[in-house]
Each structure stands twice: as C-alpha cells, then as structure tokens.
C-alpha cells in the first residue's frame, strides 16, 4: 500500500464499508480496534482513487481542488511568509468552530497556522471507518514522537455537526485514545462546519458517505496532499515528517539576514 493522492471528488463510502465487511469492532481499547483494521481498511482502499500522478500534475490538480492560489510551485515560492499566510487565511477562513473541549476557535488562525496538519473527517456515531482511521492516526502520532504537538497538529472534523456536541467528540477521543493537546476534534454551527468542509473538498449531505481520506499539509509551505485511508500509519507519519523538515527549513530561510522569497 502507498500514500497515493486521492481524487477530491471520490468520497470513500462508509455505508459500503459497513455492508462489505463483517462485524462492527468492539468498544474496547484502540489496540483491539487496530488489530481488526486490516480487512476494514482494505475495503476502504478498494474505493475509487486516482492513480499516482506526476508531481506537477498533482500539484496543479490539488490547487484547483482546494482553490489555493497561486497554483504553481514557482508562484508559491515567490510569496513572502506573510503573503502566504494571508492567502491561506483568506482561503481556509477564520470560521468559528468548537473544539471537543468546548472552546471556540478560528479555523485557520487557531488550528492550522504555524503547524503541519493532518486533517481527517468523522462523526461520533460512526462505528466503522472512523474508529479505525482514528486508531491508525494514533499509531502515526506515536511514531512522530516529540514532533507531535510541537510541530504537528491533528484536526478531526465532524461531518455531523447537528448531532455531534463537543462532549460527544470528547467521549469519542477518550474512547479511541486520541485525547491529546495536539489533537483537536471540531464541531460547531452547521453552516460554519459545512463552510469549512466545502473548503476542504469534504462536504457531504450524507454522513454515511463522508470522505475518509486524510489531508496532510503545511500552510507555511503551501504544500498539501491527500493520503489514502488504507495507507500504513508509518507512511502517514513519514509524509508528515517530510513536511516538518520543510517547515523548519522555511523558518530558517525566513529568519536569515537579508532573506528574500525563494525564486
């Protein structure tokens, strides 16, 4: 398995997964969930995804899908850090959401700025794909070590804001060993959550059919990638580590005397 980039329009179908694989995982520890994850995630991986694209083709496709402008790497490189930050904020917006701790946050400024992020999508009543993907992200978190929380933040967004209250997300996080200061579970007013989901190409009218891929990226670098839900946890962690290295280099370059945007 690999981390091939996903088609923005192809939402992995949770309902199909439920029909195709056997029994719902137990409500025990995340370790037991992980042990049952292989066949479930294999079913997720069988959904329609794009084959791997050349880097330039993929960057252009992602720029169109997320409406991130300017679209080309050359144009992105000419931006100053402040300009890139402003463009990211304008696109992703500072729409107000609620964390699983009940705190109001601005989506871009309080959850994404200054971090490498891994964004996933879930709902508290999901008994199939969501717990398994969360368990996989827990494995990736453990693999990242000290970088998690310092350089890296995980963001899990509810696709069912009408029913998911902060306390429901907090219970979900505790149940699957994802309750960590560096991991935010987000819900909020339906219109606000839907606005954010649309920006991320993950809006759905049916929670059972929500997108199950993972978006990893760095606003500071203007680099984004969609990772298949059946990618190994170590591969997800490696993608994130690569972005962290780039993030650190970007900061060093910006802090250097007489620094100018990269040509």
C-alpha atoms as a PDB file:
ATOM      1  CA  UNK A   1       0.000   0.000   0.000  1.00  0.00           C
ATOM      2  CA  UNK A   2       1.094   3.557  -0.539  1.00  0.00           C
ATOM      3  CA  UNK A   3       0.080   7.149   0.003  1.00  0.00           C
ATOM      4  CA  UNK A   4      -1.175   7.843  -3.496  1.00  0.00           C
ATOM      5  CA  UNK A   5      -3.002  11.107  -3.862  1.00  0.00           C
ATOM      6  CA  UNK A   6      -6.768  10.909  -3.752  1.00  0.00           C
ATOM      7  CA  UNK A   7      -9.380  12.249  -6.101  1.00  0.00           C
ATOM      8  CA  UNK A   8     -11.126  15.146  -4.348  1.00  0.00           C
ATOM      9  CA  UNK A   9     -14.457  14.073  -5.828  1.00  0.00           C
ATOM     10  CA  UNK A  10     -14.253  10.462  -4.636  1.00  0.00           C
ATOM     11  CA  UNK A  11     -15.608  10.195  -1.093  1.00  0.00           C
ATOM     12  CA  UNK A  12     -14.957   6.768   0.336  1.00  0.00           C
ATOM     13  CA  UNK A  13     -18.322   5.262   1.176  1.00  0.00           C
ATOM     14  CA  UNK A  14     -18.721   4.348   4.864  1.00  0.00           C
ATOM     15  CA  UNK A  15     -22.066   2.695   4.209  1.00  0.00           C
ATOM     16  CA  UNK A  16     -20.481   0.461   1.567  1.00  0.00           C
ATOM     17  CA  UNK A  17     -17.764  -0.474   4.012  1.00  0.00           C
ATOM     18  CA  UNK A  18     -20.385  -1.442   6.584  1.00  0.00           C
ATOM     19  CA  UNK A  19     -22.110  -3.739   4.085  1.00  0.00           C
ATOM     20  CA  UNK A  20     -18.954  -5.351   2.761  1.00  0.00           C
ATOM     21  CA  UNK A  21     -17.102  -6.239   5.907  1.00  0.00           C
ATOM     22  CA  UNK A  22     -18.015  -8.183   8.946  1.00  0.00           C
ATOM     23  CA  UNK A  23     -18.871  -7.256  12.381  1.00  0.00           C
ATOM     24  CA  UNK A  24     -18.543  -3.933  13.986  1.00  0.00           C
ATOM     25  CA  UNK A  25     -15.366  -3.598  16.065  1.00  0.00           C
ATOM     26  CA  UNK A  26     -15.698  -3.952  19.787  1.00  0.00           C
ATOM     27  CA  UNK A  27     -15.804  -0.903  22.026  1.00  0.00           C
ATOM     28  CA  UNK A  28     -12.585  -1.878  23.722  1.00  0.00           C
ATOM     29  CA  UNK A  29      -9.185  -0.235  23.554  1.00  0.00           C
ATOM     30  CA  UNK A  30      -7.713   1.265  20.417  1.00  0.00           C
ATOM     31  CA  UNK A  31      -5.251  -1.629  20.347  1.00  0.00           C
ATOM     32  CA  UNK A  32      -8.035  -4.151  19.758  1.00  0.00           C
ATOM     33  CA  UNK A  33      -9.521  -1.895  17.096  1.00  0.00           C
ATOM     34  CA  UNK A  34      -6.167  -1.709  15.325  1.00  0.00           C
ATOM     35  CA  UNK A  35      -5.909  -5.496  15.288  1.00  0.00           C
ATOM     36  CA  UNK A  36      -9.160  -5.675  13.339  1.00  0.00           C
ATOM     37  CA  UNK A  37      -8.374  -2.848  10.979  1.00  0.00           C
ATOM     38  CA  UNK A  38      -6.660  -4.600   8.081  1.00  0.00           C
ATOM     39  CA  UNK A  39      -9.724  -6.039   6.365  1.00  0.00           C
ATOM     40  CA  UNK A  40     -11.789  -2.919   7.032  1.00  0.00           C
ATOM     41  CA  UNK A  41      -9.195  -0.578   5.595  1.00  0.00           C
ATOM     42  CA  UNK A  42      -8.661  -2.914   2.666  1.00  0.00           C
ATOM     43  CA  UNK A  43     -12.324  -2.373   1.855  1.00  0.00           C
ATOM     44  CA  UNK A  44     -11.836   1.376   2.119  1.00  0.00           C
ATOM     45  CA  UNK A  45      -8.818   1.159  -0.136  1.00  0.00           C
ATOM     46  CA  UNK A  46     -10.846  -0.599  -2.815  1.00  0.00           C
ATOM     47  CA  UNK A  47     -12.889   2.559  -3.365  1.00  0.00           C
ATOM     48  CA  UNK A  48     -12.144   4.592  -6.450  1.00  0.00           C
ATOM     49  CA  UNK A  49      -8.978   6.653  -6.113  1.00  0.00           C
ATOM     50  CA  UNK A  50      -6.750   8.280  -8.707  1.00  0.00           C
ATOM     51  CA  UNK A  51      -3.573   6.523  -9.680  1.00  0.00           C
ATOM     52  CA  UNK A  52      -0.428   8.343  -8.629  1.00  0.00           C
ATOM     53  CA  UNK A  53       0.173  11.447 -10.728  1.00  0.00           C
ATOM     54  CA  UNK A  54       3.389  13.176 -11.661  1.00  0.00           C
ATOM     55  CA  UNK A  55       4.264  15.838  -9.097  1.00  0.00           C
ATOM     56  CA  UNK A  56       3.468  18.788 -11.339  1.00  0.00           C
ATOM     57  CA  UNK A  57       0.142  17.313 -12.446  1.00  0.00           C
ATOM     58  CA  UNK A  58      -0.813  16.555  -8.867  1.00  0.00           C
ATOM     59  CA  UNK A  59       0.122  19.997  -7.556  1.00  0.00           C
ATOM     60  CA  UNK A  60      -1.951  21.604 -10.290  1.00  0.00           C
ATOM     61  CA  UNK A  61      -4.898  19.288  -9.572  1.00  0.00           C
ATOM     62  CA  UNK A  62      -4.737  19.968  -5.850  1.00  0.00           C
ATOM     63  CA  UNK A  63      -4.514  23.713  -6.433  1.00  0.00           C
ATOM     64  CA  UNK A  64      -7.699  23.554  -8.466  1.00  0.00           C
ATOM     65  CA  UNK A  65      -9.468  21.254  -5.999  1.00  0.00           C
ATOM     66  CA  UNK A  66      -8.677  23.411  -2.970  1.00  0.00           C
ATOM     67  CA  UNK A  67      -8.706  26.676  -4.922  1.00  0.00           C
ATOM     68  CA  UNK A  68      -5.291  27.518  -3.496  1.00  0.00           C
ATOM     69  CA  UNK A  69      -3.814  30.347  -5.497  1.00  0.00           C
ATOM     70  CA  UNK A  70      -1.382  30.931  -6.954  1.00  0.00           C
ATOM     71  CA  UNK A  71      -1.469  27.412  -8.381  1.00  0.00           C
ATOM     72  CA  UNK A  72       2.115  26.699  -9.381  1.00  0.00           C
ATOM     73  CA  UNK A  73       5.058  25.942  -7.154  1.00  0.00           C
ATOM     74  CA  UNK A  74       7.060  28.712  -8.822  1.00  0.00           C
ATOM     75  CA  UNK A  75       4.422  31.311  -7.969  1.00  0.00           C
ATOM     76  CA  UNK A  76       4.097  29.979  -4.412  1.00  0.00           C
ATOM     77  CA  UNK A  77       7.867  30.262  -3.971  1.00  0.00           C
ATOM     78  CA  UNK A  78       7.793  33.976  -4.746  1.00  0.00           C
ATOM     79  CA  UNK A  79       5.448  34.733  -1.876  1.00  0.00           C
ATOM     80  CA  UNK A  80       6.783  36.081   1.400  1.00  0.00           C
ATOM     81  CA  UNK A  81       5.784  34.144   4.538  1.00  0.00           C
ATOM     82  CA  UNK A  82       3.320  36.910   5.421  1.00  0.00           C
ATOM     83  CA  UNK A  83       1.756  36.795   1.955  1.00  0.00           C
ATOM     84  CA  UNK A  84       1.451  33.028   2.024  1.00  0.00           C
ATOM     85  CA  UNK A  85      -0.118  33.205   5.490  1.00  0.00           C
ATOM     86  CA  UNK A  86      -2.624  35.821   4.330  1.00  0.00           C
ATOM     87  CA  UNK A  87      -3.616  33.764   1.295  1.00  0.00           C
ATOM     88  CA  UNK A  88      -4.058  30.639   3.399  1.00  0.00           C
ATOM     89  CA  UNK A  89      -6.223  32.538   5.886  1.00  0.00           C
ATOM     90  CA  UNK A  90      -8.315  34.048   3.087  1.00  0.00           C
ATOM     91  CA  UNK A  91      -8.935  30.629   1.592  1.00  0.00           C
ATOM     92  CA  UNK A  92      -9.409  28.408   4.635  1.00  0.00           C
ATOM     93  CA  UNK A  93     -11.107  31.261   6.565  1.00  0.00           C
ATOM     94  CA  UNK A  94     -11.310  32.004  10.265  1.00  0.00           C
ATOM     95  CA  UNK A  95     -14.752  30.450  10.540  1.00  0.00           C
ATOM     96  CA  UNK A  96     -15.516  29.860  14.221  1.00  0.00           C
ATOM     97  CA  UNK A  97     -15.843  26.235  15.311  1.00  0.00           C
ATOM     98  CA  UNK A  98     -15.970  24.440  18.665  1.00  0.00           C
ATOM     99  CA  UNK A  99     -13.358  22.029  19.969  1.00  0.00           C
ATOM    100  CA  UNK A 100     -14.145  18.831  21.839  1.00  0.00           C
ATOM    101  CA  UNK A 101     -13.287  20.812  24.977  1.00  0.00           C
ATOM    102  CA  UNK A 102     -15.985  23.368  24.211  1.00  0.00           C
ATOM    103  CA  UNK A 103     -13.567  26.149  23.259  1.00  0.00           C
ATOM    104  CA  UNK A 104     -14.344  28.448  20.313  1.00  0.00           C
ATOM    105  CA  UNK A 105     -11.533  28.560  17.745  1.00  0.00           C
ATOM    106  CA  UNK A 106     -10.894  30.251  14.411  1.00  0.00           C
ATOM    107  CA  UNK A 107     -10.366  27.505  11.875  1.00  0.00           C
ATOM    108  CA  UNK A 108      -7.229  28.783  10.168  1.00  0.00           C
ATOM    109  CA  UNK A 109      -5.589  31.023  12.758  1.00  0.00           C
ATOM    110  CA  UNK A 110      -6.148  28.787  15.794  1.00  0.00           C
ATOM    111  CA  UNK A 111      -5.885  25.298  14.306  1.00  0.00           C
ATOM    112  CA  UNK A 112      -3.641  25.466  11.230  1.00  0.00           C
ATOM    113  CA  UNK A 113      -1.307  28.437  11.399  1.00  0.00           C
ATOM    114  CA  UNK A 114       2.292  27.575  12.196  1.00  0.00           C
ATOM    115  CA  UNK A 115       1.704  23.810  12.151  1.00  0.00           C
ATOM    116  CA  UNK A 116       1.956  20.860   9.848  1.00  0.00           C
ATOM    117  CA  UNK A 117      -1.560  19.448   9.971  1.00  0.00           C
ATOM    118  CA  UNK A 118      -3.245  16.132   9.318  1.00  0.00           C
ATOM    119  CA  UNK A 119      -6.968  16.659   8.792  1.00  0.00           C
ATOM    120  CA  UNK A 120      -9.451  13.796   8.996  1.00  0.00           C
ATOM    121  CA  UNK A 121     -13.238  13.556   8.952  1.00  0.00           C
ATOM    122  CA  UNK A 122     -15.501  11.641  11.315  1.00  0.00           C
ATOM    123  CA  UNK A 123     -18.691  11.622  13.340  1.00  0.00           C
ATOM    124  CA  UNK A 124     -19.179  10.388  16.870  1.00  0.00           C
ATOM    125  CA  UNK A 125     -21.836   7.813  15.979  1.00  0.00           C
ATOM    126  CA  UNK A 126     -19.658   6.148  13.351  1.00  0.00           C
ATOM    127  CA  UNK A 127     -18.875   2.554  14.251  1.00  0.00           C
ATOM    128  CA  UNK A 128     -16.964   1.575  11.141  1.00  0.00           C
ATOM    129  CA  UNK A 129     -14.348   3.593   9.293  1.00  0.00           C
ATOM    130  CA  UNK A 130     -13.984   6.486  11.757  1.00  0.00           C
ATOM    131  CA  UNK A 131     -12.683   4.477  14.737  1.00  0.00           C
ATOM    132  CA  UNK A 132     -10.289   2.549  12.501  1.00  0.00           C
ATOM    133  CA  UNK A 133      -8.850   5.634  10.840  1.00  0.00           C
ATOM    134  CA  UNK A 134      -8.593   7.318  14.236  1.00  0.00           C
ATOM    135  CA  UNK A 135      -6.720   4.298  15.585  1.00  0.00           C
ATOM    136  CA  UNK A 136      -4.352   4.485  12.611  1.00  0.00           C
ATOM    137  CA  UNK A 137      -3.734   8.171  13.298  1.00  0.00           C
ATOM    138  CA  UNK A 138      -2.989   7.308  16.926  1.00  0.00           C
ATOM    139  CA  UNK A 139      -0.280   4.962  15.620  1.00  0.00           C
ATOM    140  CA  UNK A 140       1.074   7.742  13.382  1.00  0.00           C
ATOM    141  CA  UNK A 141       1.031  10.142  16.347  1.00  0.00           C
ATOM    142  CA  UNK A 142       3.082   7.717  18.414  1.00  0.00           C
ATOM    143  CA  UNK A 143       5.528   7.275  15.549  1.00  0.00           C
ATOM    144  CA  UNK A 144       6.036  11.059  15.293  1.00  0.00           C
ATOM    145  CA  UNK A 145       7.279  11.305  18.865  1.00  0.00           C
ATOM    146  CA  UNK A 146       8.043  14.796  20.176  1.00  0.00           C
ATOM    147  CA  UNK A 147       7.186  16.443  16.858  1.00  0.00           C
ATOM    148  CA  UNK A 148       3.519  15.749  17.553  1.00  0.00           C
ATOM    149  CA  UNK A 149       2.033  18.697  19.387  1.00  0.00           C
ATOM    150  CA  UNK A 150       5.135  20.804  18.832  1.00  0.00           C
ATOM    151  CA  UNK A 151       5.346  20.939  15.034  1.00  0.00           C
ATOM    152  CA  UNK A 152       2.352  18.793  14.147  1.00  0.00           C
ATOM    153  CA  UNK A 153      -1.340  19.050  14.905  1.00  0.00           C
ATOM    154  CA  UNK A 154      -4.095  16.584  14.069  1.00  0.00           C
ATOM    155  CA  UNK A 155      -7.536  18.004  13.297  1.00  0.00           C
ATOM    156  CA  UNK A 156     -10.603  15.762  13.105  1.00  0.00           C
ATOM    157  CA  UNK A 157     -13.733  17.499  11.843  1.00  0.00           C
ATOM    158  CA  UNK A 158     -17.247  16.193  12.469  1.00  0.00           C
ATOM    159  CA  UNK A 159     -19.346  15.761   9.338  1.00  0.00           C
ATOM    160  CA  UNK A 160     -22.443  15.579  11.567  1.00  0.00           C
ATOM    161  CA  UNK A 161     -22.491  18.903  13.451  1.00  0.00           C
ATOM    162  CA  UNK A 162     -26.254  18.692  14.003  1.00  0.00           C
ATOM    163  CA  UNK A 163     -25.746  15.778  16.384  1.00  0.00           C
ATOM    164  CA  UNK A 164     -22.113  15.986  17.465  1.00  0.00           C
ATOM    165  CA  UNK A 165     -21.748  18.206  20.512  1.00  0.00           C
ATOM    166  CA  UNK A 166     -18.313  18.968  21.964  1.00  0.00           C
ATOM    167  CA  UNK A 167     -18.917  16.435  24.724  1.00  0.00           C
ATOM    168  CA  UNK A 168     -19.709  13.752  22.130  1.00  0.00           C
ATOM    169  CA  UNK A 169     -16.402  14.397  20.387  1.00  0.00           C
ATOM    170  CA  UNK A 170     -14.575  14.392  23.732  1.00  0.00           C
ATOM    171  CA  UNK A 171     -16.056  10.983  24.527  1.00  0.00           C
ATOM    172  CA  UNK A 172     -15.028   9.687  21.094  1.00  0.00           C
ATOM    173  CA  UNK A 173     -11.478  11.000  21.576  1.00  0.00           C
ATOM    174  CA  UNK A 174     -11.142   9.357  25.000  1.00  0.00           C
ATOM    175  CA  UNK A 175     -12.585   6.076  23.781  1.00  0.00           C
ATOM    176  CA  UNK A 176     -10.027   5.747  20.998  1.00  0.00           C
ATOM    177  CA  UNK A 177      -7.011   7.111  22.877  1.00  0.00           C
ATOM    178  CA  UNK A 178      -6.950  10.331  20.835  1.00  0.00           C
ATOM    179  CA  UNK A 179      -7.379  12.780  23.718  1.00  0.00           C
ATOM    180  CA  UNK A 180      -4.209  14.834  23.384  1.00  0.00           C
ATOM    181  CA  UNK A 181      -3.498  18.605  23.465  1.00  0.00           C
ATOM    182  CA  UNK A 182      -2.076  18.357  19.932  1.00  0.00           C
ATOM    183  CA  UNK A 183      -5.249  16.812  18.541  1.00  0.00           C
ATOM    184  CA  UNK A 184      -8.404  18.869  18.016  1.00  0.00           C
ATOM    185  CA  UNK A 185     -11.838  17.429  17.320  1.00  0.00           C
ATOM    186  CA  UNK A 186     -14.063  20.121  15.820  1.00  0.00           C
ATOM    187  CA  UNK A 187     -17.796  20.695  15.516  1.00  0.00           C
ATOM    188  CA  UNK A 188     -19.969  23.815  15.664  1.00  0.00           C
ATOM    189  CA  UNK A 189     -22.840  25.552  13.954  1.00  0.00           C
ATOM    190  CA  UNK A 190     -23.916  23.520  10.931  1.00  0.00           C
ATOM    191  CA  UNK A 191     -23.376  26.383   8.472  1.00  0.00           C
ATOM    192  CA  UNK A 192     -19.885  27.027   9.832  1.00  0.00           C
ATOM    193  CA  UNK A 193     -18.809  23.402   9.747  1.00  0.00           C
ATOM    194  CA  UNK A 194     -20.193  22.959   6.237  1.00  0.00           C
ATOM    195  CA  UNK A 195     -18.288  26.010   5.042  1.00  0.00           C
ATOM    196  CA  UNK A 196     -15.035  24.509   6.289  1.00  0.00           C
ATOM    197  CA  UNK A 197     -15.850  21.077   4.836  1.00  0.00           C
ATOM    198  CA  UNK A 198     -16.519  22.642   1.445  1.00  0.00           C
ATOM    199  CA  UNK A 199     -13.184  24.444   1.543  1.00  0.00           C
ATOM    200  CA  UNK A 200     -11.514  21.092   2.164  1.00  0.00           C
ATOM    201  CA  UNK A 201     -13.469  19.294  -0.553  1.00  0.00           C
ATOM    202  CA  UNK A 202     -15.078  17.054   2.068  1.00  0.00           C
ATOM    203  CA  UNK A 203     -18.667  18.307   2.280  1.00  0.00           C
ATOM    204  CA  UNK A 204     -21.351  15.639   2.068  1.00  0.00           C
ATOM    205  CA  UNK A 205     -25.101  15.601   2.566  1.00  0.00           C
ATOM    206  CA  UNK A 206     -24.907  12.050   3.908  1.00  0.00           C
ATOM    207  CA  UNK A 207     -22.664  11.371   6.885  1.00  0.00           C
ATOM    208  CA  UNK A 208     -22.546   7.691   5.941  1.00  0.00           C
ATOM    209  CA  UNK A 209     -20.864   8.630   2.660  1.00  0.00           C
ATOM    210  CA  UNK A 210     -18.292  11.042   4.007  1.00  0.00           C
ATOM    211  CA  UNK A 211     -14.748  11.367   2.697  1.00  0.00           C
ATOM    212  CA  UNK A 212     -12.383   9.101   4.624  1.00  0.00           C
ATOM    213  CA  UNK A 213      -9.038  10.228   3.250  1.00  0.00           C
ATOM    214  CA  UNK A 214      -6.545  12.234   5.293  1.00  0.00           C
ATOM    215  CA  UNK A 215      -5.326  15.658   4.195  1.00  0.00           C
ATOM    216  CA  UNK A 216      -1.761  16.447   5.237  1.00  0.00           C
ATOM    217  CA  UNK A 217      -0.229  19.822   4.582  1.00  0.00           C
ATOM    218  CA  UNK A 218       1.733  22.862   5.597  1.00  0.00           C
ATOM    219  CA  UNK A 219       0.140  26.298   5.164  1.00  0.00           C
ATOM    220  CA  UNK A 220       3.554  27.919   5.570  1.00  0.00           C
ATOM    221  CA  UNK A 221       4.909  25.965   2.601  1.00  0.00           C
ATOM    222  CA  UNK A 222       1.705  25.905   0.563  1.00  0.00           C
ATOM    223  CA  UNK A 223       2.063  22.121   0.256  1.00  0.00           C
ATOM    224  CA  UNK A 224      -0.915  19.750   0.513  1.00  0.00           C
ATOM    225  CA  UNK A 225      -1.558  16.097  -0.164  1.00  0.00           C
ATOM    226  CA  UNK A 226      -4.423  13.683   0.249  1.00  0.00           C
ATOM    227  CA  UNK A 227      -3.498  10.311   1.708  1.00  0.00           C
ATOM    228  CA  UNK A 228      -5.480   7.120   1.210  1.00  0.00           C
ATOM    229  CA  UNK A 229      -7.229   5.746   4.300  1.00  0.00           C
ATOM    230  CA  UNK A 230      -5.520   2.379   3.770  1.00  0.00           C
ATOM    231  CA  UNK A 231      -2.008   3.855   3.855  1.00  0.00           C
ATOM    232  CA  UNK A 232       0.143   2.380   6.667  1.00  0.00           C
ATOM    233  CA  UNK A 233       0.487   4.520   9.777  1.00  0.00           C
ATOM    234  CA  UNK A 234       4.259   4.678   9.284  1.00  0.00           C
ATOM    235  CA  UNK A 235       3.778   6.006   5.751  1.00  0.00           C
ATOM    236  CA  UNK A 236       1.448   8.716   7.066  1.00  0.00           C
ATOM    237  CA  UNK A 237       3.999   9.652   9.712  1.00  0.00           C
ATOM    238  CA  UNK A 238       6.740   9.778   7.077  1.00  0.00           C
ATOM    239  CA  UNK A 239       4.689  12.150   4.897  1.00  0.00           C
ATOM    240  CA  UNK A 240       4.241  14.390   7.921  1.00  0.00           C
ATOM    241  CA  UNK A 241       7.925  14.240   8.879  1.00  0.00           C
ATOM    242  CA  UNK A 242       8.851  15.327   5.361  1.00  0.00           C
ATOM    243  CA  UNK A 243       6.601  18.368   5.733  1.00  0.00           C
ATOM    244  CA  UNK A 244       8.021  19.127   9.183  1.00  0.00           C
ATOM    245  CA  UNK A 245      11.537  19.179   7.727  1.00  0.00           C
ATOM    246  CA  UNK A 246      10.372  21.601   5.058  1.00  0.00           C
ATOM    247  CA  UNK A 247       8.616  23.742   7.656  1.00  0.00           C
ATOM    248  CA  UNK A 248      11.772  24.054   9.737  1.00  0.00           C
ATOM    249  CA  UNK A 249      13.816  24.936   6.663  1.00  0.00           C
ATOM    250  CA  UNK A 250      11.237  27.557   5.652  1.00  0.00           C
ATOM    251  CA  UNK A 251      11.513  29.201   9.070  1.00  0.00           C
ATOM    252  CA  UNK A 252      15.305  29.208   8.930  1.00  0.00           C
ATOM    253  CA  UNK A 253      15.251  30.774   5.481  1.00  0.00           C
ATOM    254  CA  UNK A 254      12.760  33.429   6.545  1.00  0.00           C
ATOM    255  CA  UNK A 255      14.840  34.274   9.624  1.00  0.00           C
ATOM    256  CA  UNK A 256      18.156  34.563   7.743  1.00  0.00           C
ATOM    257  CA  UNK A 257      19.583  38.102   7.375  1.00  0.00           C
ATOM    258  CA  UNK A 258      18.518  39.663   4.104  1.00  0.00           C
ATOM    259  CA  UNK A 259      16.263  36.728   3.371  1.00  0.00           C
ATOM    260  CA  UNK A 260      14.175  37.028   0.219  1.00  0.00           C
ATOM    261  CA  UNK A 261      11.419  34.745  -1.093  1.00  0.00           C
ATOM    262  CA  UNK A 262      12.792  31.707  -2.867  1.00  0.00           C
ATOM    263  CA  UNK A 263      12.993  32.141  -6.654  1.00  0.00           C
END
